Amino acid sequence: MPSACSPNCTTGARCTLIEIEDYPFTGYLAADGFLDPLLEELGDAVSHVHGRLVFAPGPPRPAAWSQNTWLAPRLVRFESNGDAARALKDMQRNWAFYGVEHHRRAALIQEKLPHVSAKPLVFPQAAPTAPLGSWTLLDRTTMIASAACSSPFPNGEVAFVEDREGPPSRAYLKLWEAFTLAGRMPGPGDRVIDLGSCPGGWTWVLQRLGAHVVSVDKAPLDPRVARLPNVEFRQESAFGLKPADVGAVDWLLSDVICYPQRLLRLAQEWIDSGLAHNFLCTIKFQGETDHATARAFAEIPGSRVLHLSANKHELTWIRQSDG
């Protein structure tokens, strides 16, 4: 077990042993309020739970309900706050704390670490690229720390400088987050279809990005959105509209309220048509979480299924073309 002090130390100071072990588990952090779907998704693989942080043995596995996955946890035993901070800095520079208990001690340790800016993003600002580790205290002298995590945001929580005047609803935040995590979004010259668009939050985002938007819903758009340039509104059902009736689109987006299996059939119809290149859809659950259909979305080649900070009891499916 590695020591925090060199055997050749001549400072005369008391050298405290810091014990570090590789931890044979992966950590999966659920979003606040959504621990149960994560536990259901991981099933019998769950070893132990620390607050919203779920551990399962072995390497990382697909977990859509994990907002931030701890990819390489290590168990660290220490004696002082300085020892703990030194152990973390020896692993890497940037750290975010996930707290369950011992918050005062954790705050004193975090104060000794380099400051990590967590300013809200100004969309369409890109996501951070610097590695961000996560750590938590198990007790006063033991922590679990992972220098590698799936999200570049503290505890997987993405925050934006919000627009409280332009969009007609807060649904635009889901789209901002999804595009930021995808690393790609529509732009000028792209043709996009927005299914279930009322009152128009997603159409508003797409129009501001410069896309031509075919906005579809049985209910009318907010008038402020409907009269924007490059917005073509069709007041009809997303499920009655055939791909051939619309033609080729660069992106298909859906925030339709429907059962997941019905959305899967709609998505498959568009995939089979070859008329949509990229997909971004909200899988909304009504009552029980339909894990089987979520897995079916994830198994479509080129797909990702994830829980966004802005999601409620729903997941987001993203499928991007290679081009």
C-alpha atoms as a PDB file:
ATOM      1  CA  MET A   1       0.000   0.000   0.000  1.00  0.00           C
ATOM      2  CA  PRO A   2       1.525   3.333  -1.058  1.00  0.00           C
ATOM      3  CA  SER A   3       2.651   5.810   1.544  1.00  0.00           C
ATOM      4  CA  ALA A   4       2.046   9.533   1.232  1.00  0.00           C
ATOM      5  CA  CYS A   5       5.636  10.225   2.309  1.00  0.00           C
ATOM      6  CA  SER A   6       8.873   9.102   0.749  1.00  0.00           C
ATOM      7  CA  PRO A   7      10.957   6.648   2.815  1.00  0.00           C
ATOM      8  CA  ASN A   8      13.844   9.127   2.388  1.00  0.00           C
ATOM      9  CA  CYS A   9      11.941  12.035   3.943  1.00  0.00           C
ATOM     10  CA  THR A  10      14.238  14.213   6.101  1.00  0.00           C
ATOM     11  CA  THR A  11      11.744  16.874   7.172  1.00  0.00           C
ATOM     12  CA  GLY A  12      11.468  15.486  10.673  1.00  0.00           C
ATOM     13  CA  ALA A  13       7.694  15.807  10.469  1.00  0.00           C
ATOM     14  CA  ARG A  14       5.438  12.950  11.425  1.00  0.00           C
ATOM     15  CA  CYS A  15       4.679  11.049   8.222  1.00  0.00           C
ATOM     16  CA  THR A  16       1.175   9.600   8.118  1.00  0.00           C
ATOM     17  CA  LEU A  17       0.501   6.489   6.111  1.00  0.00           C
ATOM     18  CA  ILE A  18      -2.173   6.877   3.449  1.00  0.00           C
ATOM     19  CA  GLU A  19      -3.470   3.506   2.356  1.00  0.00           C
ATOM     20  CA  ILE A  20      -4.898   3.248  -1.152  1.00  0.00           C
ATOM     21  CA  GLU A  21      -6.459   0.161  -2.685  1.00  0.00           C
ATOM     22  CA  ASP A  22      -8.069  -0.426  -6.050  1.00  0.00           C
ATOM     23  CA  TYR A  23     -11.778  -0.903  -5.467  1.00  0.00           C
ATOM     24  CA  PRO A  24     -13.222  -3.878  -7.426  1.00  0.00           C
ATOM     25  CA  PHE A  25     -16.553  -2.145  -8.006  1.00  0.00           C
ATOM     26  CA  THR A  26     -18.036   0.473 -10.308  1.00  0.00           C
ATOM     27  CA  GLY A  27     -20.068   3.332  -8.841  1.00  0.00           C
ATOM     28  CA  TYR A  28     -23.335   4.508 -10.389  1.00  0.00           C
ATOM     29  CA  LEU A  29     -24.776   7.804  -9.150  1.00  0.00           C
ATOM     30  CA  ALA A  30     -28.523   8.216  -9.546  1.00  0.00           C
ATOM     31  CA  ALA A  31     -30.133  11.602 -10.026  1.00  0.00           C
ATOM     32  CA  ASP A  32     -31.938  12.940  -6.993  1.00  0.00           C
ATOM     33  CA  GLY A  33     -35.282  11.137  -6.729  1.00  0.00           C
ATOM     34  CA  PHE A  34     -34.407   8.362  -9.178  1.00  0.00           C
ATOM     35  CA  LEU A  35     -32.514   5.814  -7.123  1.00  0.00           C
ATOM     36  CA  ASP A  36     -35.215   3.149  -7.541  1.00  0.00           C
ATOM     37  CA  PRO A  37     -35.047   2.983 -11.369  1.00  0.00           C
ATOM     38  CA  LEU A  38     -31.252   2.649 -11.146  1.00  0.00           C
ATOM     39  CA  LEU A  39     -31.523  -0.166  -8.606  1.00  0.00           C
ATOM     40  CA  GLU A  40     -34.063  -1.910 -10.840  1.00  0.00           C
ATOM     41  CA  GLU A  41     -31.821  -1.480 -13.867  1.00  0.00           C
ATOM     42  CA  LEU A  42     -28.754  -2.952 -12.140  1.00  0.00           C
ATOM     43  CA  GLY A  43     -30.791  -5.703 -10.458  1.00  0.00           C
ATOM     44  CA  ASP A  44     -28.947  -8.461  -8.643  1.00  0.00           C
ATOM     45  CA  ALA A  45     -25.593  -6.911  -9.533  1.00  0.00           C
ATOM     46  CA  VAL A  46     -25.973  -4.306  -6.765  1.00  0.00           C
ATOM     47  CA  SER A  47     -23.449  -4.841  -3.984  1.00  0.00           C
ATOM     48  CA  HIS A  48     -24.079  -1.876  -1.683  1.00  0.00           C
ATOM     49  CA  VAL A  49     -25.643   1.588  -1.701  1.00  0.00           C
ATOM     50  CA  HIS A  50     -24.245   4.832  -0.283  1.00  0.00           C
ATOM     51  CA  GLY A  51     -26.941   7.491  -0.518  1.00  0.00           C
ATOM     52  CA  ARG A  52     -27.679   7.716  -4.254  1.00  0.00           C
ATOM     53  CA  LEU A  53     -24.356   6.052  -5.127  1.00  0.00           C
ATOM     54  CA  VAL A  54     -24.791   2.395  -6.085  1.00  0.00           C
ATOM     55  CA  PHE A  55     -21.888  -0.027  -6.313  1.00  0.00           C
ATOM     56  CA  ALA A  56     -21.780  -3.162  -8.440  1.00  0.00           C
ATOM     57  CA  PRO A  57     -18.785  -5.485  -8.859  1.00  0.00           C
ATOM     58  CA  GLY A  58     -16.715  -5.548 -12.013  1.00  0.00           C
ATOM     59  CA  PRO A  59     -16.134  -3.106 -14.864  1.00  0.00           C
ATOM     60  CA  PRO A  60     -18.702  -0.492 -15.927  1.00  0.00           C
ATOM     61  CA  ARG A  61     -21.883  -1.785 -17.515  1.00  0.00           C
ATOM     62  CA  PRO A  62     -24.580   0.154 -19.400  1.00  0.00           C
ATOM     63  CA  ALA A  63     -26.730   2.048 -16.903  1.00  0.00           C
ATOM     64  CA  ALA A  64     -29.022   4.674 -18.407  1.00  0.00           C
ATOM     65  CA  TRP A  65     -30.246   5.807 -14.978  1.00  0.00           C
ATOM     66  CA  SER A  66     -26.704   6.562 -13.801  1.00  0.00           C
ATOM     67  CA  GLN A  67     -26.206  10.313 -14.080  1.00  0.00           C
ATOM     68  CA  ASN A  68     -22.477   9.900 -13.399  1.00  0.00           C
ATOM     69  CA  THR A  69     -20.610   6.590 -13.410  1.00  0.00           C
ATOM     70  CA  TRP A  70     -17.457   6.219 -11.316  1.00  0.00           C
ATOM     71  CA  LEU A  71     -15.258   4.240 -13.688  1.00  0.00           C
ATOM     72  CA  ALA A  72     -12.170   3.514 -11.564  1.00  0.00           C
ATOM     73  CA  PRO A  73     -12.900   3.853  -7.825  1.00  0.00           C
ATOM     74  CA  ARG A  74     -10.163   3.523  -5.216  1.00  0.00           C
ATOM     75  CA  LEU A  75     -10.529   3.051  -1.467  1.00  0.00           C
ATOM     76  CA  VAL A  76      -8.434   5.556   0.499  1.00  0.00           C
ATOM     77  CA  ARG A  77      -7.742   5.396   4.250  1.00  0.00           C
ATOM     78  CA  PHE A  78      -6.249   8.515   5.840  1.00  0.00           C
ATOM     79  CA  GLU A  79      -5.791  10.213   9.206  1.00  0.00           C
ATOM     80  CA  SER A  80      -6.025  13.951   8.581  1.00  0.00           C
ATOM     81  CA  ASN A  81      -7.770  16.321   6.200  1.00  0.00           C
ATOM     82  CA  GLY A  82      -4.408  17.191   4.685  1.00  0.00           C
ATOM     83  CA  ASP A  83      -3.650  13.517   4.083  1.00  0.00           C
ATOM     84  CA  ALA A  84      -6.964  13.073   2.287  1.00  0.00           C
ATOM     85  CA  ALA A  85      -6.436  16.123   0.085  1.00  0.00           C
ATOM     86  CA  ARG A  86      -2.880  15.048  -0.725  1.00  0.00           C
ATOM     87  CA  ALA A  87      -4.039  11.595  -1.748  1.00  0.00           C
ATOM     88  CA  LEU A  88      -6.600  13.100  -4.108  1.00  0.00           C
ATOM     89  CA  LYS A  89      -4.122  15.568  -5.635  1.00  0.00           C
ATOM     90  CA  ASP A  90      -1.672  12.740  -6.219  1.00  0.00           C
ATOM     91  CA  MET A  91      -4.303  11.007  -8.354  1.00  0.00           C
ATOM     92  CA  GLN A  92      -5.269  14.081 -10.418  1.00  0.00           C
ATOM     93  CA  ARG A  93      -6.101  17.787 -10.121  1.00  0.00           C
ATOM     94  CA  ASN A  94      -9.868  18.308 -10.349  1.00  0.00           C
ATOM     95  CA  TRP A  95     -12.402  16.806  -7.932  1.00  0.00           C
ATOM     96  CA  ALA A  96     -16.098  17.059  -7.086  1.00  0.00           C
ATOM     97  CA  PHE A  97     -17.520  15.842  -3.777  1.00  0.00           C
ATOM     98  CA  TYR A  98     -20.635  13.708  -3.470  1.00  0.00           C
ATOM     99  CA  GLY A  99     -21.920  14.061   0.080  1.00  0.00           C
ATOM    100  CA  VAL A 100     -23.940  11.669   2.200  1.00  0.00           C
ATOM    101  CA  GLU A 101     -22.525  12.349   5.660  1.00  0.00           C
ATOM    102  CA  HIS A 102     -19.517  13.988   7.412  1.00  0.00           C
ATOM    103  CA  HIS A 103     -20.166  17.166   5.436  1.00  0.00           C
ATOM    104  CA  ARG A 104     -18.041  19.427   7.651  1.00  0.00           C
ATOM    105  CA  ARG A 105     -14.967  17.258   7.280  1.00  0.00           C
ATOM    106  CA  ALA A 106     -15.576  16.922   3.558  1.00  0.00           C
ATOM    107  CA  ALA A 107     -15.764  20.716   3.206  1.00  0.00           C
ATOM    108  CA  LEU A 108     -12.401  21.095   4.978  1.00  0.00           C
ATOM    109  CA  ILE A 109     -10.827  18.529   2.637  1.00  0.00           C
ATOM    110  CA  GLN A 110     -12.355  20.150  -0.459  1.00  0.00           C
ATOM    111  CA  GLU A 111     -10.950  23.543   0.617  1.00  0.00           C
ATOM    112  CA  LYS A 112      -7.452  22.098   0.290  1.00  0.00           C
ATOM    113  CA  LEU A 113      -8.063  20.997  -3.300  1.00  0.00           C
ATOM    114  CA  PRO A 114      -7.703  23.185  -6.411  1.00  0.00           C
ATOM    115  CA  HIS A 115     -10.839  25.192  -7.134  1.00  0.00           C
ATOM    116  CA  VAL A 116     -13.057  23.750  -9.845  1.00  0.00           C
ATOM    117  CA  SER A 117     -15.159  26.303 -11.699  1.00  0.00           C
ATOM    118  CA  ALA A 118     -18.752  25.139 -11.891  1.00  0.00           C
ATOM    119  CA  LYS A 119     -20.210  28.188 -13.601  1.00  0.00           C
ATOM    120  CA  PRO A 120     -23.414  27.516 -15.552  1.00  0.00           C
ATOM    121  CA  LEU A 121     -22.839  27.051 -19.286  1.00  0.00           C
ATOM    122  CA  VAL A 122     -23.973  29.642 -21.787  1.00  0.00           C
ATOM    123  CA  PHE A 123     -25.582  27.546 -24.533  1.00  0.00           C
ATOM    124  CA  PRO A 124     -24.241  26.503 -27.059  1.00  0.00           C
ATOM    125  CA  GLN A 125     -20.974  26.541 -25.104  1.00  0.00           C
ATOM    126  CA  ALA A 126     -19.212  23.167 -25.268  1.00  0.00           C
ATOM    127  CA  ALA A 127     -19.013  20.824 -22.295  1.00  0.00           C
ATOM    128  CA  PRO A 128     -15.783  20.913 -20.237  1.00  0.00           C
ATOM    129  CA  THR A 129     -13.007  18.652 -21.473  1.00  0.00           C
ATOM    130  CA  ALA A 130     -10.800  18.517 -18.355  1.00  0.00           C
ATOM    131  CA  PRO A 131     -11.112  15.263 -16.362  1.00  0.00           C
ATOM    132  CA  LEU A 132     -13.198  15.621 -13.218  1.00  0.00           C
ATOM    133  CA  GLY A 133     -12.958  13.025 -10.472  1.00  0.00           C
ATOM    134  CA  SER A 134     -15.547  12.259  -7.793  1.00  0.00           C
ATOM    135  CA  TRP A 135     -15.103  11.328  -4.154  1.00  0.00           C
ATOM    136  CA  THR A 136     -17.193  10.575  -1.091  1.00  0.00           C
ATOM    137  CA  LEU A 137     -16.580   9.884   2.574  1.00  0.00           C
ATOM    138  CA  LEU A 138     -17.612   6.480   3.929  1.00  0.00           C
ATOM    139  CA  ASP A 139     -16.581   7.470   7.438  1.00  0.00           C
ATOM    140  CA  ARG A 140     -14.264  10.055   9.000  1.00  0.00           C
ATOM    141  CA  THR A 141     -11.069   8.325   7.827  1.00  0.00           C
ATOM    142  CA  THR A 142     -12.166   6.416   4.715  1.00  0.00           C
ATOM    143  CA  MET A 143     -13.168   7.656   1.302  1.00  0.00           C
ATOM    144  CA  ILE A 144     -13.857   6.278  -2.148  1.00  0.00           C
ATOM    145  CA  ALA A 145     -12.420   8.326  -5.008  1.00  0.00           C
ATOM    146  CA  SER A 146     -12.594   7.821  -8.767  1.00  0.00           C
ATOM    147  CA  ALA A 147     -10.320   9.925 -10.947  1.00  0.00           C
ATOM    148  CA  ALA A 148     -12.248   8.791 -14.040  1.00  0.00           C
ATOM    149  CA  CYS A 149     -15.978   9.435 -14.347  1.00  0.00           C
ATOM    150  CA  SER A 150     -18.465   9.359 -17.202  1.00  0.00           C
ATOM    151  CA  SER A 151     -19.544  12.997 -16.790  1.00  0.00           C
ATOM    152  CA  PRO A 152     -17.378  16.151 -16.942  1.00  0.00           C
ATOM    153  CA  PHE A 153     -19.893  17.900 -14.662  1.00  0.00           C
ATOM    154  CA  PRO A 154     -19.942  17.696 -10.838  1.00  0.00           C
ATOM    155  CA  ASN A 155     -22.123  14.685  -9.964  1.00  0.00           C
ATOM    156  CA  GLY A 156     -23.365  14.693 -13.551  1.00  0.00           C
ATOM    157  CA  GLU A 157     -25.468  17.813 -12.954  1.00  0.00           C
ATOM    158  CA  VAL A 158     -25.503  20.198 -15.925  1.00  0.00           C
ATOM    159  CA  ALA A 159     -26.510  23.812 -15.274  1.00  0.00           C
ATOM    160  CA  PHE A 160     -27.095  26.596 -17.799  1.00  0.00           C
ATOM    161  CA  VAL A 161     -27.560  30.335 -17.733  1.00  0.00           C
ATOM    162  CA  GLU A 162     -31.299  30.229 -18.331  1.00  0.00           C
ATOM    163  CA  ASP A 163     -33.375  32.289 -20.730  1.00  0.00           C
ATOM    164  CA  ARG A 164     -36.461  33.321 -18.772  1.00  0.00           C
ATOM    165  CA  GLU A 165     -37.997  35.461 -21.521  1.00  0.00           C
ATOM    166  CA  GLY A 166     -37.681  33.765 -24.931  1.00  0.00           C
ATOM    167  CA  PRO A 167     -38.852  30.141 -24.655  1.00  0.00           C
ATOM    168  CA  PRO A 168     -42.506  29.344 -23.881  1.00  0.00           C
ATOM    169  CA  SER A 169     -41.627  26.542 -21.424  1.00  0.00           C
ATOM    170  CA  ARG A 170     -38.662  25.090 -19.528  1.00  0.00           C
ATOM    171  CA  ALA A 171     -38.500  22.064 -21.846  1.00  0.00           C
ATOM    172  CA  TYR A 172     -35.770  23.866 -23.790  1.00  0.00           C
ATOM    173  CA  LEU A 173     -33.308  22.953 -21.004  1.00  0.00           C
ATOM    174  CA  LYS A 174     -33.595  19.252 -21.884  1.00  0.00           C
ATOM    175  CA  LEU A 175     -32.646  19.995 -25.453  1.00  0.00           C
ATOM    176  CA  TRP A 176     -29.763  22.266 -24.475  1.00  0.00           C
ATOM    177  CA  GLU A 177     -28.388  19.538 -22.212  1.00  0.00           C
ATOM    178  CA  ALA A 178     -28.863  16.733 -24.734  1.00  0.00           C
ATOM    179  CA  PHE A 179     -27.096  18.655 -27.506  1.00  0.00           C
ATOM    180  CA  THR A 180     -24.271  19.625 -25.134  1.00  0.00           C
ATOM    181  CA  LEU A 181     -23.692  16.005 -24.103  1.00  0.00           C
ATOM    182  CA  ALA A 182     -24.034  14.749 -27.680  1.00  0.00           C
ATOM    183  CA  GLY A 183     -21.390  17.210 -28.844  1.00  0.00           C
ATOM    184  CA  ARG A 184     -23.375  17.889 -32.016  1.00  0.00           C
ATOM    185  CA  MET A 185     -26.499  19.890 -32.848  1.00  0.00           C
ATOM    186  CA  PRO A 186     -28.429  21.193 -35.859  1.00  0.00           C
ATOM    187  CA  GLY A 187     -27.289  24.361 -37.553  1.00  0.00           C
ATOM    188  CA  PRO A 188     -28.027  26.665 -40.484  1.00  0.00           C
ATOM    189  CA  GLY A 189     -29.243  24.751 -43.515  1.00  0.00           C
ATOM    190  CA  ASP A 190     -30.420  21.721 -41.530  1.00  0.00           C
ATOM    191  CA  ARG A 191     -34.016  20.541 -41.796  1.00  0.00           C
ATOM    192  CA  VAL A 192     -35.424  19.278 -38.513  1.00  0.00           C
ATOM    193  CA  ILE A 193     -38.759  17.760 -37.505  1.00  0.00           C
ATOM    194  CA  ASP A 194     -39.969  18.391 -33.950  1.00  0.00           C
ATOM    195  CA  LEU A 195     -42.721  15.945 -32.966  1.00  0.00           C
ATOM    196  CA  GLY A 196     -45.010  16.822 -30.060  1.00  0.00           C
ATOM    197  CA  SER A 197     -43.731  20.364 -30.187  1.00  0.00           C
ATOM    198  CA  CYS A 198     -46.431  22.307 -28.284  1.00  0.00           C
ATOM    199  CA  PRO A 199     -45.970  24.859 -26.758  1.00  0.00           C
ATOM    200  CA  GLY A 200     -42.743  25.212 -28.744  1.00  0.00           C
ATOM    201  CA  GLY A 201     -39.723  25.123 -26.411  1.00  0.00           C
ATOM    202  CA  TRP A 202     -37.736  22.745 -28.623  1.00  0.00           C
ATOM    203  CA  THR A 203     -38.819  24.469 -31.834  1.00  0.00           C
ATOM    204  CA  TRP A 204     -37.608  27.746 -30.297  1.00  0.00           C
ATOM    205  CA  VAL A 205     -34.150  26.223 -29.643  1.00  0.00           C
ATOM    206  CA  LEU A 206     -33.898  24.730 -33.135  1.00  0.00           C
ATOM    207  CA  GLN A 207     -34.949  27.947 -34.853  1.00  0.00           C
ATOM    208  CA  ARG A 208     -32.367  29.921 -32.901  1.00  0.00           C
ATOM    209  CA  LEU A 209     -29.695  27.461 -34.050  1.00  0.00           C
ATOM    210  CA  GLY A 210     -30.565  28.390 -37.636  1.00  0.00           C
ATOM    211  CA  ALA A 211     -32.435  25.226 -38.627  1.00  0.00           C
ATOM    212  CA  HIS A 212     -35.614  25.024 -40.698  1.00  0.00           C
ATOM    213  CA  VAL A 213     -38.130  23.399 -38.320  1.00  0.00           C
ATOM    214  CA  VAL A 214     -41.140  21.283 -39.231  1.00  0.00           C
ATOM    215  CA  SER A 215     -43.027  21.582 -35.945  1.00  0.00           C
ATOM    216  CA  VAL A 216     -45.786  19.004 -35.405  1.00  0.00           C
ATOM    217  CA  ASP A 217     -48.485  18.815 -32.718  1.00  0.00           C
ATOM    218  CA  LYS A 218     -52.257  18.472 -32.454  1.00  0.00           C
ATOM    219  CA  ALA A 219     -52.240  21.497 -30.122  1.00  0.00           C
ATOM    220  CA  PRO A 220     -51.200  24.941 -31.407  1.00  0.00           C
ATOM    221  CA  LEU A 221     -47.782  26.448 -30.860  1.00  0.00           C
ATOM    222  CA  ASP A 222     -47.245  29.480 -28.699  1.00  0.00           C
ATOM    223  CA  PRO A 223     -47.899  32.394 -31.108  1.00  0.00           C
ATOM    224  CA  ARG A 224     -44.459  33.885 -30.418  1.00  0.00           C
ATOM    225  CA  VAL A 225     -42.844  30.676 -31.689  1.00  0.00           C
ATOM    226  CA  ALA A 226     -45.287  30.054 -34.538  1.00  0.00           C
ATOM    227  CA  ARG A 227     -44.445  33.363 -36.205  1.00  0.00           C
ATOM    228  CA  LEU A 228     -40.664  32.908 -36.064  1.00  0.00           C
ATOM    229  CA  PRO A 229     -38.867  32.641 -39.437  1.00  0.00           C
ATOM    230  CA  ASN A 230     -38.149  29.101 -40.705  1.00  0.00           C
ATOM    231  CA  VAL A 231     -40.858  27.507 -38.548  1.00  0.00           C
ATOM    232  CA  GLU A 232     -43.362  25.378 -40.501  1.00  0.00           C
ATOM    233  CA  PHE A 233     -46.173  24.263 -38.203  1.00  0.00           C
ATOM    234  CA  ARG A 234     -48.322  21.209 -38.940  1.00  0.00           C
ATOM    235  CA  GLN A 235     -51.293  20.795 -36.624  1.00  0.00           C
ATOM    236  CA  GLU A 236     -51.656  17.009 -36.694  1.00  0.00           C
ATOM    237  CA  SER A 237     -50.681  13.861 -34.825  1.00  0.00           C
ATOM    238  CA  ALA A 238     -47.044  12.827 -34.797  1.00  0.00           C
ATOM    239  CA  PHE A 239     -48.202   9.233 -35.183  1.00  0.00           C
ATOM    240  CA  GLY A 240     -50.403   9.892 -38.191  1.00  0.00           C
ATOM    241  CA  LEU A 241     -47.589  11.582 -40.091  1.00  0.00           C
ATOM    242  CA  LYS A 242     -45.664   9.266 -42.407  1.00  0.00           C
ATOM    243  CA  PRO A 243     -41.962   9.831 -43.173  1.00  0.00           C
ATOM    244  CA  ALA A 244     -42.757  10.122 -46.886  1.00  0.00           C
ATOM    245  CA  ASP A 245     -45.174  12.970 -46.081  1.00  0.00           C
ATOM    246  CA  VAL A 246     -42.284  14.988 -44.660  1.00  0.00           C
ATOM    247  CA  GLY A 247     -39.279  13.920 -46.702  1.00  0.00           C
ATOM    248  CA  ALA A 248     -35.642  13.851 -45.652  1.00  0.00           C
ATOM    249  CA  VAL A 249     -34.651  15.515 -42.369  1.00  0.00           C
ATOM    250  CA  ASP A 250     -31.251  15.974 -40.786  1.00  0.00           C
ATOM    251  CA  TRP A 251     -32.691  15.508 -37.287  1.00  0.00           C
ATOM    252  CA  LEU A 252     -35.851  13.954 -35.881  1.00  0.00           C
ATOM    253  CA  LEU A 253     -36.751  15.142 -32.398  1.00  0.00           C
ATOM    254  CA  SER A 254     -39.621  14.008 -30.206  1.00  0.00           C
ATOM    255  CA  ASP A 255     -40.864  15.093 -26.810  1.00  0.00           C
ATOM    256  CA  VAL A 256     -44.234  13.397 -27.380  1.00  0.00           C
ATOM    257  CA  ILE A 257     -46.123  12.106 -24.339  1.00  0.00           C
ATOM    258  CA  CYS A 258     -46.771   8.446 -25.181  1.00  0.00           C
ATOM    259  CA  TYR A 259     -45.977   4.939 -24.013  1.00  0.00           C
ATOM    260  CA  PRO A 260     -42.344   3.947 -24.731  1.00  0.00           C
ATOM    261  CA  GLN A 261     -43.310   1.044 -27.009  1.00  0.00           C
ATOM    262  CA  ARG A 262     -45.320   3.378 -29.240  1.00  0.00           C
ATOM    263  CA  LEU A 263     -42.362   5.764 -29.497  1.00  0.00           C
ATOM    264  CA  LEU A 264     -40.093   2.825 -30.354  1.00  0.00           C
ATOM    265  CA  ARG A 265     -42.393   1.828 -33.235  1.00  0.00           C
ATOM    266  CA  LEU A 266     -42.414   5.414 -34.513  1.00  0.00           C
ATOM    267  CA  ALA A 267     -38.624   5.653 -34.314  1.00  0.00           C
ATOM    268  CA  GLN A 268     -38.195   2.330 -36.091  1.00  0.00           C
ATOM    269  CA  GLU A 269     -40.516   3.476 -38.883  1.00  0.00           C
ATOM    270  CA  TRP A 270     -38.340   6.530 -39.462  1.00  0.00           C
ATOM    271  CA  ILE A 271     -35.130   4.483 -39.252  1.00  0.00           C
ATOM    272  CA  ASP A 272     -36.473   2.012 -41.813  1.00  0.00           C
ATOM    273  CA  SER A 273     -37.459   4.869 -44.122  1.00  0.00           C
ATOM    274  CA  GLY A 274     -33.883   6.131 -44.260  1.00  0.00           C
ATOM    275  CA  LEU A 275     -35.220   9.698 -44.270  1.00  0.00           C
ATOM    276  CA  ALA A 276     -33.876  10.798 -40.857  1.00  0.00           C
ATOM    277  CA  HIS A 277     -30.151  10.957 -40.125  1.00  0.00           C
ATOM    278  CA  ASN A 278     -30.050  11.867 -36.422  1.00  0.00           C
ATOM    279  CA  PHE A 279     -32.556  11.206 -33.641  1.00  0.00           C
ATOM    280  CA  LEU A 280     -33.138  12.756 -30.219  1.00  0.00           C
ATOM    281  CA  CYS A 281     -36.252  11.585 -28.383  1.00  0.00           C
ATOM    282  CA  THR A 282     -37.593  11.622 -24.833  1.00  0.00           C
ATOM    283  CA  ILE A 283     -38.709   8.198 -23.567  1.00  0.00           C
ATOM    284  CA  LYS A 284     -41.448   9.048 -21.073  1.00  0.00           C
ATOM    285  CA  PHE A 285     -42.579   6.509 -18.488  1.00  0.00           C
ATOM    286  CA  GLN A 286     -46.109   6.424 -17.158  1.00  0.00           C
ATOM    287  CA  GLY A 287     -46.292   4.425 -13.941  1.00  0.00           C
ATOM    288  CA  GLU A 288     -43.695   1.632 -13.912  1.00  0.00           C
ATOM    289  CA  THR A 289     -40.345   2.150 -15.625  1.00  0.00           C
ATOM    290  CA  ASP A 290     -40.306   0.154 -18.872  1.00  0.00           C
ATOM    291  CA  HIS A 291     -36.716  -1.070 -18.695  1.00  0.00           C
ATOM    292  CA  ALA A 292     -37.198  -3.557 -21.543  1.00  0.00           C
ATOM    293  CA  THR A 293     -38.149  -0.848 -24.033  1.00  0.00           C
ATOM    294  CA  ALA A 294     -35.339   1.402 -22.784  1.00  0.00           C
ATOM    295  CA  ARG A 295     -32.913  -1.456 -23.493  1.00  0.00           C
ATOM    296  CA  ALA A 296     -34.445  -1.890 -26.951  1.00  0.00           C
ATOM    297  CA  PHE A 297     -33.684   1.753 -27.720  1.00  0.00           C
ATOM    298  CA  ALA A 298     -30.117   1.315 -26.422  1.00  0.00           C
ATOM    299  CA  GLU A 299     -29.601  -1.732 -28.664  1.00  0.00           C
ATOM    300  CA  ILE A 300     -30.328   0.244 -31.852  1.00  0.00           C
ATOM    301  CA  PRO A 301     -26.890   0.651 -33.489  1.00  0.00           C
ATOM    302  CA  GLY A 302     -25.290   4.021 -32.803  1.00  0.00           C
ATOM    303  CA  SER A 303     -27.556   4.781 -29.833  1.00  0.00           C
ATOM    304  CA  ARG A 304     -27.147   6.237 -26.373  1.00  0.00           C
ATOM    305  CA  VAL A 305     -29.825   6.239 -23.688  1.00  0.00           C
ATOM    306  CA  LEU A 306     -29.230   8.519 -20.715  1.00  0.00           C
ATOM    307  CA  HIS A 307     -30.924  10.361 -17.895  1.00  0.00           C
ATOM    308  CA  LEU A 308     -30.426  14.106 -18.166  1.00  0.00           C
ATOM    309  CA  SER A 309     -30.292  16.519 -15.250  1.00  0.00           C
ATOM    310  CA  ALA A 310     -33.412  18.121 -16.730  1.00  0.00           C
ATOM    311  CA  ASN A 311     -35.257  14.800 -17.139  1.00  0.00           C
ATOM    312  CA  LYS A 312     -37.960  13.675 -14.762  1.00  0.00           C
ATOM    313  CA  HIS A 313     -39.255  10.081 -14.905  1.00  0.00           C
ATOM    314  CA  GLU A 314     -37.940   9.784 -18.441  1.00  0.00           C
ATOM    315  CA  LEU A 315     -34.817   8.987 -20.431  1.00  0.00           C
ATOM    316  CA  THR A 316     -33.341  10.559 -23.555  1.00  0.00           C
ATOM    317  CA  TRP A 317     -32.445   8.487 -26.616  1.00  0.00           C
ATOM    318  CA  ILE A 318     -29.804   9.888 -28.978  1.00  0.00           C
ATOM    319  CA  ARG A 319     -28.772   8.269 -32.250  1.00  0.00           C
ATOM    320  CA  GLN A 320     -26.291  10.094 -34.447  1.00  0.00           C
ATOM    321  CA  SER A 321     -25.212   9.354 -37.972  1.00  0.00           C
ATOM    322  CA  ASP A 322     -21.538   8.909 -38.791  1.00  0.00           C
ATOM    323  CA  GLY A 323     -21.549  11.924 -41.060  1.00  0.00           C
END
